[in-house]
Amino acid sequence: MRMIFLSFVAVLLASGPALAADAAVVPGPGPQQLIEKVSQDLLREIDANRATLNADPVKLRALVDRVVLPSFDADYSARLVLGKYWRTATEQQRQRFINAFIQSMMRKYGNALLEFTADRLAILPFKGDPTADRATVRTEVKRDNGTPVPVNYTLHTTPKGWKAWDVTIEGISYVKNFRTDFGAEIEARGLDAVIERLEAEGGATAEPAPRAAG
C-alpha cells in the first residue's frame, strides 16, 4: 500500500505543471490565426463591395465594427491613449472617450484598408515567445502599384481570448500617434473638448461602437 500511495503522489506531482499549463491556456484561436481570419474576412468583404464602401463611410464603419471590433480590446487601447488623463477622468468622460476614440480609430483603419485587396495579403512568420501573454503579428499588404505595406497588430491575452489593442501601418502606431496628438490637445483645450471633437467627427447621431474589451 505504501508503494501504491507513493506512486500515486509521484504521478500527481509529475502532472502538476501540465495541469497548470492547461489551466492557463487562452481560449479561442492564437494571435496569428486570429489576425489571419480577421484580415482575410475584412479584405474579402472590401473586395466584394469596394465601390459602395468608398462612397458610403457609414457602411464601411459598420463592416469594420462587425468584423474587427469583436477581436479588439477597445477599453484597454483607450486607457493607453489617455495615459495619465485616464486617472483624473470621470467615469462618464471615460466611457464617452472610449466610444469616440474607437470610432475615430476604426474609421482611419477602414479607410487605410480600402487601398488593399485580399489576394495581396501575406501573414508573415511569427516571431516571439508562443507562451507569452503579448504578441505582435506581422502582415504585409501590397498596393495597386505592388508596393508592400507592413501592417502589424499588437495583441494580448484576456479572459475572452487574444485581443488586438494596436495597429501599426507603415511604422506608425495608431495608439502612440493618438496618445501624442490627444495629449497635446488635452493640455491645450481640456479632455471634454477632445471628446466633443471626436464625437462630432464620428457624427452627432452615431451609435456607440460595440466594444469587446477583455
Protein backbone atom coordinates (compact mmCIF):
# COMPACT_ATOMS: atom_id res chain seq x y z
CA MET A 1 0.00 0.00 0.00
CA ARG A 2 2.84 2.37 0.81
CA MET A 3 4.36 1.81 -2.62
CA ILE A 4 0.99 2.40 -4.29
CA PHE A 5 0.49 5.62 -2.30
CA LEU A 6 3.97 6.92 -3.16
CA SER A 7 3.42 6.08 -6.81
CA PHE A 8 0.12 7.99 -6.77
CA VAL A 9 1.79 11.06 -5.20
CA ALA A 10 4.57 10.89 -7.77
CA VAL A 11 2.04 10.89 -10.61
CA LEU A 12 0.25 13.92 -9.15
CA LEU A 13 3.49 15.85 -8.75
CA ALA A 14 4.58 14.95 -12.24
CA SER A 15 1.27 16.05 -13.71
CA GLY A 16 1.10 19.33 -11.75
CA PRO A 17 2.90 21.58 -14.26
CA ALA A 18 0.89 20.12 -17.15
CA LEU A 19 -2.38 20.76 -15.34
CA ALA A 20 -1.29 24.31 -14.55
CA ALA A 21 -0.33 24.85 -18.17
CA ASP A 22 -3.72 23.57 -19.34
CA ALA A 23 -5.49 25.94 -16.94
CA ALA A 24 -3.52 28.85 -18.39
CA VAL A 25 -4.43 28.05 -21.99
CA VAL A 26 -6.04 31.08 -23.65
CA PRO A 27 -9.46 30.33 -25.15
CA GLY A 28 -10.07 30.71 -28.85
CA PRO A 29 -7.59 30.97 -31.72
CA GLY A 30 -3.98 32.03 -31.25
CA PRO A 31 -2.84 35.53 -32.24
CA GLN A 32 -1.58 34.53 -35.69
CA GLN A 33 -4.75 32.60 -36.56
CA LEU A 34 -7.00 35.37 -35.21
CA ILE A 35 -5.38 38.14 -37.24
CA GLU A 36 -5.28 36.00 -40.36
CA LYS A 37 -9.01 35.33 -40.15
CA VAL A 38 -9.99 38.92 -39.31
CA SER A 39 -7.76 40.38 -42.04
CA GLN A 40 -8.92 37.93 -44.69
CA ASP A 41 -12.61 38.33 -43.81
CA LEU A 42 -12.39 42.12 -43.82
CA LEU A 43 -10.41 42.42 -47.06
CA ARG A 44 -12.64 39.87 -48.78
CA GLU A 45 -15.74 41.93 -47.98
CA ILE A 46 -13.97 45.13 -49.04
CA ASP A 47 -13.09 43.48 -52.37
CA ALA A 48 -16.71 42.48 -52.93
CA ASN A 49 -18.15 45.91 -52.09
CA ARG A 50 -15.32 48.35 -52.76
CA ALA A 51 -17.31 50.92 -54.77
CA THR A 52 -20.14 51.00 -52.23
CA LEU A 53 -17.79 51.26 -49.26
CA ASN A 54 -15.77 54.04 -50.91
CA ALA A 55 -18.97 56.01 -51.44
CA ASP A 56 -20.55 55.30 -48.05
CA PRO A 57 -18.36 55.73 -44.92
CA VAL A 58 -21.22 54.57 -42.70
CA LYS A 59 -21.31 51.16 -44.39
CA LEU A 60 -17.53 50.89 -44.20
CA ARG A 61 -17.63 51.66 -40.49
CA ALA A 62 -20.38 49.09 -39.95
CA LEU A 63 -18.28 46.47 -41.72
CA VAL A 64 -15.20 47.23 -39.62
CA ASP A 65 -17.29 47.16 -36.44
CA ARG A 66 -18.76 43.77 -37.31
CA VAL A 67 -15.53 42.07 -38.39
CA VAL A 68 -12.81 43.76 -36.32
CA LEU A 69 -14.26 45.02 -33.05
CA PRO A 70 -15.06 41.60 -31.53
CA SER A 71 -11.30 40.92 -31.62
CA PHE A 72 -10.23 44.37 -30.42
CA ASP A 73 -9.74 45.46 -26.80
CA ALA A 74 -11.14 48.96 -27.15
CA ASP A 75 -11.16 49.78 -23.43
CA TYR A 76 -7.51 48.84 -22.95
CA SER A 77 -6.43 50.75 -26.05
CA ALA A 78 -8.33 53.86 -24.96
CA ARG A 79 -6.76 53.75 -21.48
CA LEU A 80 -3.30 53.64 -23.03
CA VAL A 81 -4.10 56.56 -25.31
CA LEU A 82 -5.38 58.72 -22.44
CA GLY A 83 -2.43 57.77 -20.22
CA LYS A 84 -2.27 59.97 -17.12
CA TYR A 85 -5.55 61.66 -18.04
CA TRP A 86 -7.43 58.38 -17.53
CA ARG A 87 -6.80 58.57 -13.78
CA THR A 88 -8.37 62.00 -13.42
CA ALA A 89 -11.26 61.48 -15.88
CA THR A 90 -14.75 60.84 -14.56
CA GLU A 91 -16.49 57.57 -15.42
CA GLN A 92 -18.73 59.43 -17.88
CA GLN A 93 -15.71 61.02 -19.56
CA ARG A 94 -14.01 57.63 -19.82
CA GLN A 95 -16.99 55.97 -21.48
CA ARG A 96 -17.53 58.86 -23.88
CA PHE A 97 -13.85 58.89 -24.77
CA ILE A 98 -13.76 55.12 -25.38
CA ASN A 99 -16.72 55.32 -27.76
CA ALA A 100 -15.44 58.41 -29.57
CA PHE A 101 -11.86 57.17 -29.76
CA ILE A 102 -12.76 53.78 -31.18
CA GLN A 103 -14.99 55.44 -33.77
CA SER A 104 -12.02 57.52 -34.90
CA MET A 105 -9.54 54.64 -34.87
CA MET A 106 -11.77 52.19 -36.73
CA ARG A 107 -12.66 54.85 -39.32
CA LYS A 108 -8.99 55.54 -40.07
CA TYR A 109 -8.19 51.81 -40.11
CA GLY A 110 -11.03 51.06 -42.53
CA ASN A 111 -10.06 53.90 -44.82
CA ALA A 112 -6.47 52.65 -44.91
CA LEU A 113 -7.55 49.12 -45.86
CA LEU A 114 -9.66 50.40 -48.78
CA GLU A 115 -6.36 50.68 -50.67
CA PHE A 116 -5.62 46.95 -50.32
CA THR A 117 -7.03 43.71 -51.71
CA ALA A 118 -7.35 40.29 -50.11
CA ASP A 119 -5.18 38.50 -52.67
CA ARG A 120 -2.25 40.74 -51.71
CA LEU A 121 -2.34 39.92 -48.01
CA ALA A 122 0.56 37.94 -46.57
CA ILE A 123 0.78 36.80 -42.96
CA LEU A 124 4.48 36.79 -42.12
CA PRO A 125 6.11 34.09 -39.97
CA PHE A 126 5.52 34.60 -36.27
CA LYS A 127 8.42 35.92 -34.24
CA GLY A 128 8.11 35.82 -30.49
CA ASP A 129 7.55 33.61 -27.49
CA PRO A 130 4.48 31.42 -28.10
CA THR A 131 3.94 31.16 -24.33
CA ALA A 132 3.97 34.93 -23.68
CA ASP A 133 0.83 36.91 -22.92
CA ARG A 134 1.61 39.50 -25.60
CA ALA A 135 2.31 39.08 -29.28
CA THR A 136 2.92 41.01 -32.47
CA VAL A 137 1.51 39.58 -35.69
CA ARG A 138 3.20 40.92 -38.79
CA THR A 139 1.34 41.15 -42.08
CA GLU A 140 2.14 42.69 -45.42
CA VAL A 141 -0.32 44.04 -47.96
CA LYS A 142 0.53 45.28 -51.44
CA ARG A 143 -0.89 48.39 -53.03
CA ASP A 144 -2.01 48.51 -56.67
CA ASN A 145 1.50 49.53 -57.73
CA GLY A 146 2.99 46.49 -55.98
CA THR A 147 4.48 48.42 -53.07
CA PRO A 148 4.45 46.26 -49.93
CA VAL A 149 2.96 47.92 -46.85
CA PRO A 150 3.66 46.46 -43.39
CA VAL A 151 0.52 46.24 -41.25
CA ASN A 152 1.31 44.86 -37.79
CA TYR A 153 -1.03 44.06 -34.92
CA THR A 154 -0.19 44.07 -31.22
CA LEU A 155 -2.26 41.69 -29.08
CA HIS A 156 -2.53 40.49 -25.51
CA THR A 157 -4.36 37.74 -23.70
CA THR A 158 -7.67 38.35 -21.96
CA PRO A 159 -10.15 36.03 -20.24
CA LYS A 160 -12.08 36.01 -23.53
CA GLY A 161 -9.08 35.11 -25.66
CA TRP A 162 -6.49 37.04 -27.63
CA LYS A 163 -7.43 40.65 -28.38
CA ALA A 164 -5.65 43.23 -30.52
CA TRP A 165 -5.09 46.65 -28.98
CA ASP A 166 -2.91 48.44 -31.52
CA VAL A 167 -2.39 48.58 -35.26
CA THR A 168 0.85 49.81 -36.81
CA ILE A 169 0.75 50.72 -40.51
CA GLU A 170 4.00 51.64 -42.25
CA GLY A 171 5.71 52.01 -38.89
CA ILE A 172 3.08 54.35 -37.42
CA SER A 173 1.37 53.03 -34.28
CA TYR A 174 -2.21 54.20 -34.00
CA VAL A 175 -2.11 54.13 -30.20
CA LYS A 176 1.18 56.03 -29.90
CA ASN A 177 0.14 58.53 -32.55
CA PHE A 178 -3.23 59.19 -30.92
CA ARG A 179 -1.63 59.44 -27.48
CA THR A 180 0.79 62.14 -28.64
CA ASP A 181 -1.86 64.12 -30.52
CA PHE A 182 -4.54 63.84 -27.83
CA GLY A 183 -2.10 64.61 -25.03
CA ALA A 184 -1.14 67.93 -26.58
CA GLU A 185 -4.78 68.77 -27.33
CA ILE A 186 -5.96 67.85 -23.83
CA GLU A 187 -3.26 70.06 -22.31
CA ALA A 188 -4.36 72.96 -24.51
CA ARG A 189 -8.15 72.57 -24.53
CA GLY A 190 -9.16 70.01 -21.91
CA LEU A 191 -10.50 66.45 -22.15
CA ASP A 192 -14.12 67.44 -22.76
CA ALA A 193 -13.14 69.46 -25.83
CA VAL A 194 -11.25 66.49 -27.29
CA ILE A 195 -14.19 64.16 -26.66
CA GLU A 196 -16.62 66.62 -28.25
CA ARG A 197 -14.42 66.97 -31.33
CA LEU A 198 -14.17 63.21 -31.76
CA GLU A 199 -17.90 62.79 -31.29
CA ALA A 200 -18.58 65.47 -33.88
CA GLU A 201 -16.22 63.81 -36.36
CA GLY A 202 -17.95 60.50 -35.78
CA GLY A 203 -21.38 62.04 -36.34
CA ALA A 204 -23.61 63.58 -33.75
CA THR A 205 -26.16 60.78 -34.06
CA ALA A 206 -23.69 57.93 -34.33
CA GLU A 207 -24.40 54.93 -32.14
CA PRO A 208 -21.69 54.00 -29.63
CA ALA A 209 -19.35 51.37 -31.01
CA PRO A 210 -19.90 47.87 -29.63
CA ARG A 211 -16.83 47.21 -27.50
CA ALA A 212 -15.09 43.91 -26.97
CA ALA A 213 -12.84 44.54 -24.02
CA GLY A 214 -11.12 41.65 -22.34
